Amino acid sequence: MPEVPDLDIDTDGLFTEDEEESSYSIDFGTVENGIYSNKFAKLKFYTPSDDWRFLTKEEIYSHYDSLGSDVTFDDVSKETCYSTFTGNLYYDMFMYNTQTNQNIQVIIMECADNVEISLNDYFESVKDVMLSSYDNSTFESAGMVTLGDNIYSVQEANFTIDTLRNVTQYYAGTKIGNNLVIICITNNANSDESFIDIFESITE
């Protein structure tokens, strides 16, 4: 299954003169009784059917480590982390369909105190990776969705893996304080489900 890319964000103009600590703290999500909850992002997701399961925190690390990603595992927080000088990218949740390999991930980007990264910066970085990695790929705005107390901007990526499998990915992002919350949905391109349908299937 395609991974969410590790990003090298263009840092020109991102550093601010004010290095005061963000007033927001990062709370990592937990999975209990088949429900993922994250107080920081005010998210609560359920598996849409019996074909879906959550990866454990250890399995999330194993997944990204097996792909060759430069990630570390924190024994205290149990988070899988990809670090750059712009901040830390935490792979907080991963659920997938055991029959189709469709998956949904929650990623929290904790920006360094002296770095200002916008959603557009993040989306442009994902777009650059997609367009350089896959022939005939597209990346464009798909709309907006409200989850919890936050409004997410949604981008849609379409690409083909090994000329055999057509894939659609949705990247829904919001900014909370100086940090970003990204929800990535990997779906089969021939699916009739929109990103709204998918979010409705995993929320109350």
C-alpha atoms as a PDB file:
ATOM      1  CA  MET A   1       0.000   0.000   0.000  1.00  0.00           C
ATOM      2  CA  PRO A   2       1.349   3.490  -0.739  1.00  0.00           C
ATOM      3  CA  GLU A   3       2.732   5.336   2.237  1.00  0.00           C
ATOM      4  CA  VAL A   4       2.103   8.893   3.303  1.00  0.00           C
ATOM      5  CA  PRO A   5       5.298  10.594   2.105  1.00  0.00           C
ATOM      6  CA  ASP A   6       7.960  11.917   4.447  1.00  0.00           C
ATOM      7  CA  LEU A   7       8.141  15.576   3.536  1.00  0.00           C
ATOM      8  CA  ASP A   8      11.029  17.969   3.002  1.00  0.00           C
ATOM      9  CA  ILE A   9       9.172  21.272   3.235  1.00  0.00           C
ATOM     10  CA  ASP A  10      10.731  24.339   1.627  1.00  0.00           C
ATOM     11  CA  THR A  11      11.690  26.440   4.654  1.00  0.00           C
ATOM     12  CA  ASP A  12      12.246  29.771   2.904  1.00  0.00           C
ATOM     13  CA  GLY A  13      10.345  32.363   4.926  1.00  0.00           C
ATOM     14  CA  LEU A  14       9.037  29.832   7.440  1.00  0.00           C
ATOM     15  CA  PHE A  15      11.144  30.874  10.417  1.00  0.00           C
ATOM     16  CA  THR A  16       9.612  33.589  12.583  1.00  0.00           C
ATOM     17  CA  GLU A  17      11.384  36.137  14.763  1.00  0.00           C
ATOM     18  CA  ASP A  18       9.203  35.203  17.734  1.00  0.00           C
ATOM     19  CA  GLU A  19      10.188  31.833  19.167  1.00  0.00           C
ATOM     20  CA  GLU A  20       7.586  31.743  21.931  1.00  0.00           C
ATOM     21  CA  GLU A  21       6.186  28.315  22.712  1.00  0.00           C
ATOM     22  CA  SER A  22       2.816  27.462  21.207  1.00  0.00           C
ATOM     23  CA  SER A  23      -0.094  27.724  23.638  1.00  0.00           C
ATOM     24  CA  TYR A  24      -1.307  24.323  22.369  1.00  0.00           C
ATOM     25  CA  SER A  25       0.062  20.996  23.597  1.00  0.00           C
ATOM     26  CA  ILE A  26       0.008  17.774  21.628  1.00  0.00           C
ATOM     27  CA  ASP A  27      -2.191  14.995  22.965  1.00  0.00           C
ATOM     28  CA  PHE A  28      -1.760  11.698  21.170  1.00  0.00           C
ATOM     29  CA  GLY A  29      -4.734   9.521  20.335  1.00  0.00           C
ATOM     30  CA  THR A  30      -5.656   6.149  21.774  1.00  0.00           C
ATOM     31  CA  VAL A  31      -7.668   3.170  20.538  1.00  0.00           C
ATOM     32  CA  GLU A  32      -9.971   1.585  23.091  1.00  0.00           C
ATOM     33  CA  ASN A  33     -12.876  -0.787  22.445  1.00  0.00           C
ATOM     34  CA  GLY A  34     -12.527  -0.280  18.694  1.00  0.00           C
ATOM     35  CA  ILE A  35     -12.697   3.515  18.864  1.00  0.00           C
ATOM     36  CA  TYR A  36      -9.878   5.961  18.100  1.00  0.00           C
ATOM     37  CA  SER A  37     -10.029   9.175  20.152  1.00  0.00           C
ATOM     38  CA  ASN A  38      -7.789  12.222  20.061  1.00  0.00           C
ATOM     39  CA  LYS A  39      -8.588  15.016  22.522  1.00  0.00           C
ATOM     40  CA  PHE A  40      -6.150  17.473  20.924  1.00  0.00           C
ATOM     41  CA  ALA A  41      -7.832  17.260  17.522  1.00  0.00           C
ATOM     42  CA  LYS A  42     -11.259  16.412  18.994  1.00  0.00           C
ATOM     43  CA  LEU A  43     -11.519  13.379  16.721  1.00  0.00           C
ATOM     44  CA  LYS A  44     -13.357  10.105  17.316  1.00  0.00           C
ATOM     45  CA  PHE A  45     -13.247   7.442  14.599  1.00  0.00           C
ATOM     46  CA  TYR A  46     -14.821   3.988  14.402  1.00  0.00           C
ATOM     47  CA  THR A  47     -14.006   1.101  12.069  1.00  0.00           C
ATOM     48  CA  PRO A  48     -16.657   1.208   9.308  1.00  0.00           C
ATOM     49  CA  SER A  49     -17.160  -2.591   9.188  1.00  0.00           C
ATOM     50  CA  ASP A  50     -15.784  -5.889  10.476  1.00  0.00           C
ATOM     51  CA  ASP A  51     -13.317  -5.923   7.563  1.00  0.00           C
ATOM     52  CA  TRP A  52     -11.446  -3.002   9.124  1.00  0.00           C
ATOM     53  CA  ARG A  53      -8.980  -3.044  12.008  1.00  0.00           C
ATOM     54  CA  PHE A  54      -6.712  -0.599  13.802  1.00  0.00           C
ATOM     55  CA  LEU A  55      -2.983  -1.163  13.828  1.00  0.00           C
ATOM     56  CA  THR A  56      -1.409  -1.076  17.272  1.00  0.00           C
ATOM     57  CA  LYS A  57       1.177   1.640  17.945  1.00  0.00           C
ATOM     58  CA  GLU A  58       3.920  -0.980  17.553  1.00  0.00           C
ATOM     59  CA  GLU A  59       2.451  -2.159  14.241  1.00  0.00           C
ATOM     60  CA  ILE A  60       2.381   1.406  12.912  1.00  0.00           C
ATOM     61  CA  TYR A  61       6.112   1.680  13.590  1.00  0.00           C
ATOM     62  CA  SER A  62       6.795  -1.713  11.998  1.00  0.00           C
ATOM     63  CA  HIS A  63       4.830  -0.694   8.893  1.00  0.00           C
ATOM     64  CA  TYR A  64       6.805   2.498   8.283  1.00  0.00           C
ATOM     65  CA  ASP A  65      10.113   0.932   9.310  1.00  0.00           C
ATOM     66  CA  SER A  66       9.576  -1.880   6.787  1.00  0.00           C
ATOM     67  CA  LEU A  67       9.096   0.726   4.057  1.00  0.00           C
ATOM     68  CA  GLY A  68      12.508   2.187   4.807  1.00  0.00           C
ATOM     69  CA  SER A  69      11.171   5.400   6.320  1.00  0.00           C
ATOM     70  CA  ASP A  70      13.568   7.183   8.682  1.00  0.00           C
ATOM     71  CA  VAL A  71      11.244   6.863  11.685  1.00  0.00           C
ATOM     72  CA  THR A  72      11.808   6.340  15.396  1.00  0.00           C
ATOM     73  CA  PHE A  73       9.603   4.774  18.064  1.00  0.00           C
ATOM     74  CA  ASP A  74       9.115   6.484  21.419  1.00  0.00           C
ATOM     75  CA  ASP A  75       8.775   3.859  24.153  1.00  0.00           C
ATOM     76  CA  VAL A  76       7.000   6.357  26.423  1.00  0.00           C
ATOM     77  CA  SER A  77       4.391   7.892  24.095  1.00  0.00           C
ATOM     78  CA  LYS A  78       4.324   4.823  21.804  1.00  0.00           C
ATOM     79  CA  GLU A  79       4.350   7.185  18.826  1.00  0.00           C
ATOM     80  CA  THR A  80       6.062   6.626  15.494  1.00  0.00           C
ATOM     81  CA  CYS A  81       7.896   9.838  14.640  1.00  0.00           C
ATOM     82  CA  TYR A  82       9.642  11.297  11.600  1.00  0.00           C
ATOM     83  CA  SER A  83      11.775  14.278  12.646  1.00  0.00           C
ATOM     84  CA  THR A  84      13.190  17.203  10.691  1.00  0.00           C
ATOM     85  CA  PHE A  85      14.452  20.610  11.794  1.00  0.00           C
ATOM     86  CA  THR A  86      10.986  22.012  10.973  1.00  0.00           C
ATOM     87  CA  GLY A  87       9.315  19.756  13.550  1.00  0.00           C
ATOM     88  CA  ASN A  88       8.060  16.245  14.258  1.00  0.00           C
ATOM     89  CA  LEU A  89       5.600  14.230  12.187  1.00  0.00           C
ATOM     90  CA  TYR A  90       3.702  11.704  14.350  1.00  0.00           C
ATOM     91  CA  TYR A  91       1.852   8.796  12.724  1.00  0.00           C
ATOM     92  CA  ASP A  92      -0.861   8.661  15.372  1.00  0.00           C
ATOM     93  CA  MET A  93      -3.494   6.312  13.927  1.00  0.00           C
ATOM     94  CA  PHE A  94      -3.702   3.726  11.147  1.00  0.00           C
ATOM     95  CA  MET A  95      -6.795   1.685  10.291  1.00  0.00           C
ATOM     96  CA  TYR A  96      -7.077  -0.502   7.219  1.00  0.00           C
ATOM     97  CA  ASN A  97      -9.432  -2.809   5.367  1.00  0.00           C
ATOM     98  CA  THR A  98      -8.104  -6.364   5.547  1.00  0.00           C
ATOM     99  CA  GLN A  99      -9.794  -7.266   2.246  1.00  0.00           C
ATOM    100  CA  THR A 100      -8.945  -4.262   0.066  1.00  0.00           C
ATOM    101  CA  ASN A 101      -5.932  -2.561   1.747  1.00  0.00           C
ATOM    102  CA  GLN A 102      -7.832   0.720   1.857  1.00  0.00           C
ATOM    103  CA  ASN A 103      -6.540   2.686   4.833  1.00  0.00           C
ATOM    104  CA  ILE A 104      -7.098   5.819   6.901  1.00  0.00           C
ATOM    105  CA  GLN A 105      -4.350   7.531   8.875  1.00  0.00           C
ATOM    106  CA  VAL A 106      -4.142  10.428  11.313  1.00  0.00           C
ATOM    107  CA  ILE A 107      -0.871  12.362  11.304  1.00  0.00           C
ATOM    108  CA  ILE A 108       0.024  15.172  13.683  1.00  0.00           C
ATOM    109  CA  MET A 109       2.731  17.615  12.660  1.00  0.00           C
ATOM    110  CA  GLU A 110       4.216  19.340  15.696  1.00  0.00           C
ATOM    111  CA  CYS A 111       6.027  22.339  14.241  1.00  0.00           C
ATOM    112  CA  ALA A 112       9.173  23.673  15.854  1.00  0.00           C
ATOM    113  CA  ASP A 113       8.574  26.747  18.004  1.00  0.00           C
ATOM    114  CA  ASN A 114      10.319  29.086  15.558  1.00  0.00           C
ATOM    115  CA  VAL A 115       8.717  27.637  12.417  1.00  0.00           C
ATOM    116  CA  GLU A 116       5.479  28.707  10.776  1.00  0.00           C
ATOM    117  CA  ILE A 117       4.112  26.130   8.315  1.00  0.00           C
ATOM    118  CA  SER A 118       0.770  26.657   6.621  1.00  0.00           C
ATOM    119  CA  LEU A 119      -1.553  23.987   5.278  1.00  0.00           C
ATOM    120  CA  ASN A 120      -0.660  25.205   1.802  1.00  0.00           C
ATOM    121  CA  ASP A 121       3.036  24.558   2.539  1.00  0.00           C
ATOM    122  CA  TYR A 122       2.166  20.977   3.534  1.00  0.00           C
ATOM    123  CA  PHE A 123      -0.120  20.350   0.561  1.00  0.00           C
ATOM    124  CA  GLU A 124       2.433  21.788  -1.888  1.00  0.00           C
ATOM    125  CA  SER A 125       5.060  19.413  -0.477  1.00  0.00           C
ATOM    126  CA  VAL A 126       2.739  16.403  -0.892  1.00  0.00           C
ATOM    127  CA  LYS A 127       1.918  17.564  -4.416  1.00  0.00           C
ATOM    128  CA  ASP A 128       5.618  17.806  -5.323  1.00  0.00           C
ATOM    129  CA  VAL A 129       6.193  14.245  -4.062  1.00  0.00           C
ATOM    130  CA  MET A 130       3.177  12.889  -5.956  1.00  0.00           C
ATOM    131  CA  LEU A 131       3.976  14.569  -9.248  1.00  0.00           C
ATOM    132  CA  SER A 132       7.624  13.495  -9.115  1.00  0.00           C
ATOM    133  CA  SER A 133       6.891   9.918  -8.029  1.00  0.00           C
ATOM    134  CA  TYR A 134       4.012   8.853 -10.286  1.00  0.00           C
ATOM    135  CA  ASP A 135       3.368   9.391 -13.976  1.00  0.00           C
ATOM    136  CA  ASN A 136       0.022  10.949 -14.935  1.00  0.00           C
ATOM    137  CA  SER A 137      -0.707  11.850 -11.293  1.00  0.00           C
ATOM    138  CA  THR A 138      -2.999  14.716 -10.279  1.00  0.00           C
ATOM    139  CA  PHE A 139      -3.370  16.692  -7.059  1.00  0.00           C
ATOM    140  CA  GLU A 140      -6.179  19.201  -6.631  1.00  0.00           C
ATOM    141  CA  SER A 141      -8.623  20.702  -4.155  1.00  0.00           C
ATOM    142  CA  ALA A 142     -11.639  18.516  -3.330  1.00  0.00           C
ATOM    143  CA  GLY A 143     -13.552  20.714  -0.869  1.00  0.00           C
ATOM    144  CA  MET A 144     -13.995  21.131   2.877  1.00  0.00           C
ATOM    145  CA  VAL A 145     -15.273  19.017   5.756  1.00  0.00           C
ATOM    146  CA  THR A 146     -15.937  19.755   9.447  1.00  0.00           C
ATOM    147  CA  LEU A 147     -14.661  17.202  11.966  1.00  0.00           C
ATOM    148  CA  GLY A 148     -14.938  17.890  15.673  1.00  0.00           C
ATOM    149  CA  ASP A 149     -14.463  21.619  16.182  1.00  0.00           C
ATOM    150  CA  ASN A 150     -12.241  22.091  13.138  1.00  0.00           C
ATOM    151  CA  ILE A 151     -12.744  22.749   9.446  1.00  0.00           C
ATOM    152  CA  TYR A 152     -10.498  20.629   7.219  1.00  0.00           C
ATOM    153  CA  SER A 153      -9.378  21.535   3.730  1.00  0.00           C
ATOM    154  CA  VAL A 154      -9.339  18.421   1.518  1.00  0.00           C
ATOM    155  CA  GLN A 155      -7.014  17.698  -1.408  1.00  0.00           C
ATOM    156  CA  GLU A 156      -7.433  14.754  -3.801  1.00  0.00           C
ATOM    157  CA  ALA A 157      -4.506  12.875  -5.345  1.00  0.00           C
ATOM    158  CA  ASN A 158      -4.895  10.334  -8.136  1.00  0.00           C
ATOM    159  CA  PHE A 159      -2.100   8.104  -9.402  1.00  0.00           C
ATOM    160  CA  THR A 160      -1.301   4.614 -10.707  1.00  0.00           C
ATOM    161  CA  ILE A 161       0.981   2.082  -9.006  1.00  0.00           C
ATOM    162  CA  ASP A 162       3.008  -0.151 -11.356  1.00  0.00           C
ATOM    163  CA  THR A 163       0.481   0.549 -14.162  1.00  0.00           C
ATOM    164  CA  LEU A 164      -1.865  -1.929 -12.462  1.00  0.00           C
ATOM    165  CA  ARG A 165      -3.673  -0.263  -9.585  1.00  0.00           C
ATOM    166  CA  ASN A 166      -5.348   3.123  -9.742  1.00  0.00           C
ATOM    167  CA  VAL A 167      -5.318   4.857  -6.365  1.00  0.00           C
ATOM    168  CA  THR A 168      -7.105   7.883  -4.940  1.00  0.00           C
ATOM    169  CA  GLN A 169      -5.789   9.551  -1.801  1.00  0.00           C
ATOM    170  CA  TYR A 170      -7.534  12.290   0.150  1.00  0.00           C
ATOM    171  CA  TYR A 171      -5.535  14.604   2.405  1.00  0.00           C
ATOM    172  CA  ALA A 172      -7.730  16.474   4.881  1.00  0.00           C
ATOM    173  CA  GLY A 173      -5.813  19.063   6.892  1.00  0.00           C
ATOM    174  CA  THR A 174      -6.395  21.673   9.560  1.00  0.00           C
ATOM    175  CA  LYS A 175      -4.183  23.904  11.681  1.00  0.00           C
ATOM    176  CA  ILE A 176      -4.484  23.926  15.482  1.00  0.00           C
ATOM    177  CA  GLY A 177      -2.261  26.524  17.070  1.00  0.00           C
ATOM    178  CA  ASN A 178       1.092  26.159  15.322  1.00  0.00           C
ATOM    179  CA  ASN A 179       0.530  22.478  14.570  1.00  0.00           C
ATOM    180  CA  LEU A 180      -1.112  20.577  11.723  1.00  0.00           C
ATOM    181  CA  VAL A 181      -3.500  17.629  11.836  1.00  0.00           C
ATOM    182  CA  ILE A 182      -3.643  15.605   8.623  1.00  0.00           C
ATOM    183  CA  ILE A 183      -6.061  12.766   7.870  1.00  0.00           C
ATOM    184  CA  CYS A 184      -5.026  10.667   4.881  1.00  0.00           C
ATOM    185  CA  ILE A 185      -7.452   8.290   3.170  1.00  0.00           C
ATOM    186  CA  THR A 186      -6.114   5.797   0.618  1.00  0.00           C
ATOM    187  CA  ASN A 187      -8.890   4.390  -1.546  1.00  0.00           C
ATOM    188  CA  ASN A 188      -9.283   2.447  -4.757  1.00  0.00           C
ATOM    189  CA  ALA A 189      -9.871   4.834  -7.633  1.00  0.00           C
ATOM    190  CA  ASN A 190     -12.834   2.771  -8.883  1.00  0.00           C
ATOM    191  CA  SER A 191     -14.657   3.196  -5.566  1.00  0.00           C
ATOM    192  CA  ASP A 192     -17.913   5.158  -5.641  1.00  0.00           C
ATOM    193  CA  GLU A 193     -17.235   6.581  -2.149  1.00  0.00           C
ATOM    194  CA  SER A 194     -16.458  10.275  -1.844  1.00  0.00           C
ATOM    195  CA  PHE A 195     -14.368  11.596   1.023  1.00  0.00           C
ATOM    196  CA  ILE A 196     -17.624  12.760   2.639  1.00  0.00           C
ATOM    197  CA  ASP A 197     -19.007   9.195   2.435  1.00  0.00           C
ATOM    198  CA  ILE A 198     -15.853   7.822   4.033  1.00  0.00           C
ATOM    199  CA  PHE A 199     -15.852  10.300   6.907  1.00  0.00           C
ATOM    200  CA  GLU A 200     -19.541   9.636   7.550  1.00  0.00           C
ATOM    201  CA  SER A 201     -18.800   5.899   7.743  1.00  0.00           C
ATOM    202  CA  ILE A 202     -16.202   6.309  10.520  1.00  0.00           C
ATOM    203  CA  THR A 203     -17.905   8.991  12.633  1.00  0.00           C
ATOM    204  CA  GLU A 204     -21.166   9.009  14.552  1.00  0.00           C
END
